[in-house]
Protein backbone atom coordinates (compact mmCIF):
# COMPACT_ATOMS: atom_id res chain seq x y z
CA MET A 1 -160.76 -19.02 0.47
CA LYS A 2 -162.30 -15.58 0.35
CA ASN A 3 -165.03 -14.50 2.63
CA SER A 4 -168.48 -15.21 1.02
CA HIS A 5 -170.32 -12.84 3.15
CA TYR A 6 -171.18 -9.19 2.28
CA THR A 7 -172.16 -6.53 4.88
CA PHE A 8 -174.95 -4.02 4.51
CA ILE A 9 -176.59 -1.15 6.31
CA VAL A 10 -180.29 0.00 6.14
CA VAL A 11 -181.10 3.78 6.13
CA GLU A 12 -185.02 4.01 6.57
CA ASP A 13 -186.92 6.31 8.71
CA VAL A 14 -190.07 4.26 9.03
CA ALA A 15 -189.42 1.74 11.75
CA LEU A 16 -191.68 -1.07 10.54
CA GLN A 17 -190.39 -0.77 6.93
CA ARG A 18 -186.78 -0.69 8.31
CA GLU A 19 -187.40 -4.01 10.29
CA HIS A 20 -189.17 -5.60 7.54
CA LEU A 21 -186.36 -4.88 5.12
CA THR A 22 -183.60 -6.07 7.45
CA GLU A 23 -185.51 -9.35 7.99
CA LEU A 24 -185.68 -10.00 4.38
CA LEU A 25 -181.96 -9.25 3.99
CA GLN A 26 -180.94 -11.45 6.88
CA ALA A 27 -182.73 -14.57 5.39
CA ARG A 28 -179.87 -14.54 2.86
CA LEU A 29 -176.95 -16.69 3.99
CA ASP A 30 -174.40 -14.45 2.13
CA LEU A 31 -175.42 -11.05 3.90
CA HIS A 32 -174.47 -9.85 7.21
CA HIS A 33 -176.41 -7.07 8.81
CA GLN A 34 -173.83 -4.35 9.96
CA ALA A 35 -176.27 -1.51 11.13
CA SER A 36 -179.57 0.24 10.56
CA PHE A 37 -180.40 3.97 10.93
CA GLU A 38 -183.52 5.91 11.06
CA ASN A 39 -181.99 9.09 9.33
CA ALA A 40 -179.23 10.04 6.95
CA GLU A 41 -177.19 11.94 9.52
CA GLU A 42 -176.58 8.91 11.82
CA ALA A 43 -175.79 7.00 8.88
CA TYR A 44 -173.27 9.30 7.61
CA ASP A 45 -171.58 9.63 11.07
CA TYR A 46 -171.32 5.98 11.10
CA LEU A 47 -169.80 5.59 7.71
CA SER A 48 -167.27 8.42 8.63
CA GLU A 49 -166.21 6.33 11.63
CA GLN A 50 -165.99 3.05 9.63
CA ALA A 51 -163.90 4.19 6.93
CA ASP A 52 -161.60 1.13 7.36
CA ASN A 53 -164.71 -1.22 7.45
CA PRO A 54 -167.38 0.01 5.32
CA PRO A 55 -170.29 -1.87 4.28
CA ASP A 56 -170.59 -3.64 0.84
CA LEU A 57 -174.21 -2.68 0.40
CA ILE A 58 -176.39 0.44 1.37
CA PHE A 59 -180.23 0.14 1.28
CA LEU A 60 -181.31 3.66 1.12
CA ASP A 61 -184.63 5.47 1.49
CA ILE A 62 -185.04 8.82 -0.31
CA GLU A 63 -187.85 10.58 1.46
CA MET A 64 -186.56 11.08 5.06
CA PRO A 65 -186.92 14.08 7.45
CA GLU A 66 -184.14 16.67 7.60
CA ALA A 67 -181.89 15.15 4.94
CA SER A 68 -182.97 13.17 1.97
CA GLY A 69 -181.27 10.09 0.47
CA PHE A 70 -179.80 12.32 -2.19
CA ASN A 71 -178.26 14.63 0.16
CA PHE A 72 -176.70 11.50 1.88
CA LEU A 73 -175.38 10.17 -1.48
CA GLU A 74 -173.82 13.70 -2.26
CA ALA A 75 -172.24 13.75 1.28
CA ILE A 76 -170.72 10.10 1.14
CA LYS A 77 -168.93 11.09 -2.18
CA HIS A 78 -166.34 12.82 0.11
CA LEU A 79 -165.68 9.58 2.03
CA ARG A 80 -163.12 7.18 0.84
CA ILE A 81 -165.59 4.29 0.48
CA SER A 82 -167.31 2.76 -2.53
CA PRO A 83 -170.34 0.74 -1.40
CA GLN A 84 -173.18 -0.56 -3.82
CA VAL A 85 -176.31 1.59 -3.27
CA ILE A 86 -179.80 0.24 -3.77
CA ILE A 87 -182.56 2.86 -3.39
CA THR A 88 -185.79 1.87 -1.78
CA THR A 89 -188.64 4.41 -2.11
CA ALA A 90 -192.46 4.82 -2.56
CA PHE A 91 -191.93 7.42 -5.46
CA ALA A 92 -191.21 6.33 -8.93
CA GLU A 93 -190.49 9.93 -10.04
CA TYR A 94 -187.03 9.74 -8.34
CA ALA A 95 -185.91 7.22 -10.80
CA VAL A 96 -184.83 9.76 -13.31
CA LYS A 97 -182.63 11.71 -10.65
CA GLY A 98 -181.22 8.46 -9.48
CA TYR A 99 -179.45 7.98 -12.87
CA GLU A 100 -177.24 10.67 -11.80
CA TYR A 101 -175.63 8.58 -9.13
CA ASP A 102 -173.86 5.19 -9.63
CA LEU A 103 -176.66 3.20 -8.12
CA SER A 104 -176.93 -0.67 -8.25
CA GLY A 105 -180.74 -0.79 -7.80
CA TYR A 106 -183.89 1.08 -7.62
CA LEU A 107 -186.84 -0.61 -5.97
CA LEU A 108 -190.31 0.75 -5.38
CA LYS A 109 -192.23 0.15 -2.16
CA PRO A 110 -193.79 -2.09 -1.17
CA ILE A 111 -190.52 -4.12 -1.99
CA GLU A 112 -191.21 -7.49 -3.62
CA GLU A 113 -188.92 -10.16 -2.34
CA GLU A 114 -188.07 -11.40 -5.87
CA GLN A 115 -187.12 -7.80 -7.18
CA LEU A 116 -184.99 -7.23 -3.95
CA ASN A 117 -183.04 -10.34 -4.72
CA ARG A 118 -182.42 -9.69 -8.15
CA ALA A 119 -181.13 -6.24 -7.29
CA ILE A 120 -178.85 -7.69 -4.68
CA ASP A 121 -177.44 -10.36 -7.05
CA LYS A 122 -176.80 -7.61 -9.66
CA ALA A 123 -175.11 -5.52 -6.97
CA LEU A 124 -172.92 -8.37 -5.72
CA LYS A 125 -171.74 -9.07 -9.19
CA GLN A 126 -170.67 -5.49 -9.48
CA ARG A 127 -169.15 -5.58 -6.14
CA SER A 128 -166.69 -8.44 -6.73
CA PRO A 129 -166.29 -9.26 -10.45
CA GLU A 130 -162.89 -10.82 -9.78
CA ARG A 131 -164.47 -13.72 -7.58
CA GLN A 132 -164.56 -17.16 -9.45
CA GLU A 133 -164.15 -20.25 -7.20
CA ASP A 134 -166.48 -18.62 -4.54
CA ASP A 135 -169.07 -17.68 -6.81
CA HIS A 136 -172.51 -18.89 -6.01
CA LEU A 137 -176.14 -18.53 -6.49
CA MET A 138 -178.84 -17.91 -3.84
CA ILE A 139 -182.13 -19.47 -4.50
CA LYS A 140 -185.36 -19.73 -2.43
CA GLU A 141 -186.90 -23.22 -2.11
CA LYS A 142 -190.30 -22.88 -0.27
CA SER A 143 -189.33 -21.19 2.98
CA ARG A 144 -185.52 -21.51 3.08
CA TRP A 145 -182.64 -19.90 1.24
CA VAL A 146 -180.03 -22.42 -0.29
CA LYS A 147 -176.63 -21.50 -1.44
CA LEU A 148 -175.48 -23.30 -4.62
CA SER A 149 -171.81 -22.94 -6.13
CA TYR A 150 -171.82 -22.57 -9.78
CA GLY A 151 -169.57 -25.63 -9.94
CA GLU A 152 -172.09 -28.00 -8.48
CA ILE A 153 -175.09 -27.01 -10.75
CA LEU A 154 -175.39 -29.63 -13.56
CA TYR A 155 -178.40 -27.83 -15.50
CA CYS A 156 -181.52 -25.85 -14.91
CA GLU A 157 -184.86 -26.92 -16.27
CA GLY A 158 -187.67 -24.15 -16.70
CA ALA A 159 -191.38 -24.80 -16.47
CA ASN A 160 -193.69 -21.66 -16.36
CA VAL A 161 -192.73 -19.85 -13.16
CA ASP A 162 -190.54 -22.51 -11.74
CA VAL A 163 -186.94 -23.52 -12.41
CA ARG A 164 -185.78 -26.94 -11.30
CA LEU A 165 -181.91 -26.89 -10.56
CA VAL A 166 -180.21 -30.33 -10.89
CA THR A 167 -176.95 -30.27 -8.94
CA LEU A 168 -174.43 -32.80 -7.99
CA GLY A 169 -176.05 -33.26 -4.66
CA GLY A 170 -179.67 -33.21 -5.48
CA GLU A 171 -182.43 -31.22 -6.98
CA TYR A 172 -184.02 -27.77 -6.01
CA LEU A 173 -187.17 -26.10 -7.16
CA THR A 174 -187.42 -22.39 -7.02
CA ARG A 175 -190.02 -19.77 -8.05
CA ASP A 176 -188.52 -18.18 -11.00
CA ARG A 177 -188.31 -18.07 -14.74
CA ILE A 178 -185.72 -19.75 -17.03
CA LYS A 179 -184.96 -16.37 -18.59
CA ASN A 180 -184.11 -14.74 -15.27
CA MET A 181 -181.88 -17.68 -14.21
CA GLU A 182 -179.99 -17.32 -17.53
CA GLN A 183 -179.28 -13.73 -16.69
CA ARG A 184 -178.24 -14.54 -13.10
CA LEU A 185 -175.71 -17.38 -14.16
CA PRO A 186 -172.22 -16.47 -15.70
CA ALA A 187 -172.18 -16.67 -19.36
CA ASP A 188 -168.69 -18.15 -19.57
CA ARG A 189 -169.78 -21.11 -17.56
CA PHE A 190 -173.45 -21.75 -18.57
CA LEU A 191 -175.29 -21.89 -21.78
CA ARG A 192 -178.92 -21.84 -22.88
CA ILE A 193 -179.47 -24.93 -25.20
CA HIS A 194 -183.32 -24.92 -25.32
CA ASP A 195 -186.34 -22.92 -24.23
CA SER A 196 -186.30 -25.05 -21.14
CA PHE A 197 -182.70 -25.75 -20.45
CA ILE A 198 -179.47 -24.08 -19.14
CA ILE A 199 -176.44 -26.37 -18.95
CA ASN A 200 -173.11 -26.03 -17.08
CA LEU A 201 -170.38 -26.32 -19.89
CA GLU A 202 -167.97 -28.12 -17.52
CA TYR A 203 -170.10 -31.40 -17.48
CA ILE A 204 -170.49 -31.90 -21.18
CA LYS A 205 -169.41 -35.51 -22.06
CA SER A 206 -170.82 -35.79 -25.53
CA TYR A 207 -173.22 -34.20 -28.10
CA ALA A 208 -174.88 -35.34 -31.31
CA SER A 209 -172.92 -34.53 -34.51
CA ASN A 210 -176.05 -32.69 -35.88
CA PHE A 211 -176.29 -30.76 -32.52
CA THR A 212 -179.80 -32.20 -31.53
CA PHE A 213 -178.89 -33.34 -28.11
CA VAL A 214 -176.02 -33.12 -25.44
CA GLU A 215 -175.00 -35.62 -22.86
CA LEU A 216 -173.79 -34.29 -19.44
CA CYS A 217 -171.89 -36.50 -16.97
CA PRO A 218 -171.79 -35.29 -13.23
CA GLU A 219 -168.83 -37.52 -12.34
CA PRO A 220 -166.91 -40.47 -13.89
CA GLY A 221 -169.10 -43.59 -14.19
CA ALA A 222 -172.33 -41.69 -13.47
CA GLU A 223 -175.29 -42.06 -15.66
CA LEU A 224 -175.28 -39.56 -18.47
CA GLN A 225 -177.94 -36.90 -18.52
CA GLN A 226 -179.33 -36.40 -22.06
CA LEU A 227 -180.86 -33.09 -22.93
CA ARG A 228 -182.47 -31.76 -26.24
CA ILE A 229 -180.85 -28.76 -27.92
CA GLY A 230 -183.56 -26.53 -29.49
CA PRO A 231 -183.17 -25.62 -33.06
CA LYS A 232 -182.83 -21.87 -32.50
CA TYR A 233 -179.91 -22.51 -30.08
CA ARG A 234 -177.95 -24.90 -32.11
CA ASP A 235 -175.59 -22.45 -33.88
CA GLN A 236 -174.75 -20.82 -30.69
CA PHE A 237 -173.96 -24.25 -28.97
CA ARG A 238 -171.95 -25.33 -31.97
CA GLU A 239 -169.89 -22.08 -31.78
CA ARG A 240 -169.20 -22.54 -28.20
CA VAL A 241 -168.12 -26.32 -28.23
CA SER A 242 -166.02 -25.82 -31.24
CA GLY A 243 -164.07 -23.03 -29.76
CA GLU A 244 -163.19 -25.17 -26.82
């Protein structure tokens, strides 16, 4: 089984912001804090010495004394490492220049936790596209983070700004929108069938011949979960199930 943890470093000259960002990141079970730096020079020296054990993610401020974040990005091009870089800055005008680099995310301060986690999820997908069985979703339920493997998610139900995830082991409610959840889940394993529902294709037991509803079975002998298929999703559903 592959390691499900990813390492990260933070490069930020303002101590309070550096500590706050590190605290948010350490709340995720899939991330491991490797180091933090108050300037680009120290971070570069560290990466030079850690060529055999580079971090997976770098959270990088742009406005720093002596050397900017862009100077840092230019410098690490010469190192034999390829981490995913997420920019953190108070200046929106740097976004255009940021496109010149292979960045995984661009976050404006003050950093919102929801936006931060979306950027991380995107970066991790780019980092390990080959991972399958170890793939998982991190959701926040109240004050805790929960790690759910894709294989244990039966379906998701959206209601305004909340999403209920029904799994093989229980239910979880997270502050999110169903559209965002659809983007976070792999399209080869999950399908949107309604404005309110996303299902795991693995658990389809049966469906109506006119494609108005589908029944999911979490395990042999268990009670079937019947969900409606919305009219605008029926053609897509028919194409997916007929192709299996």
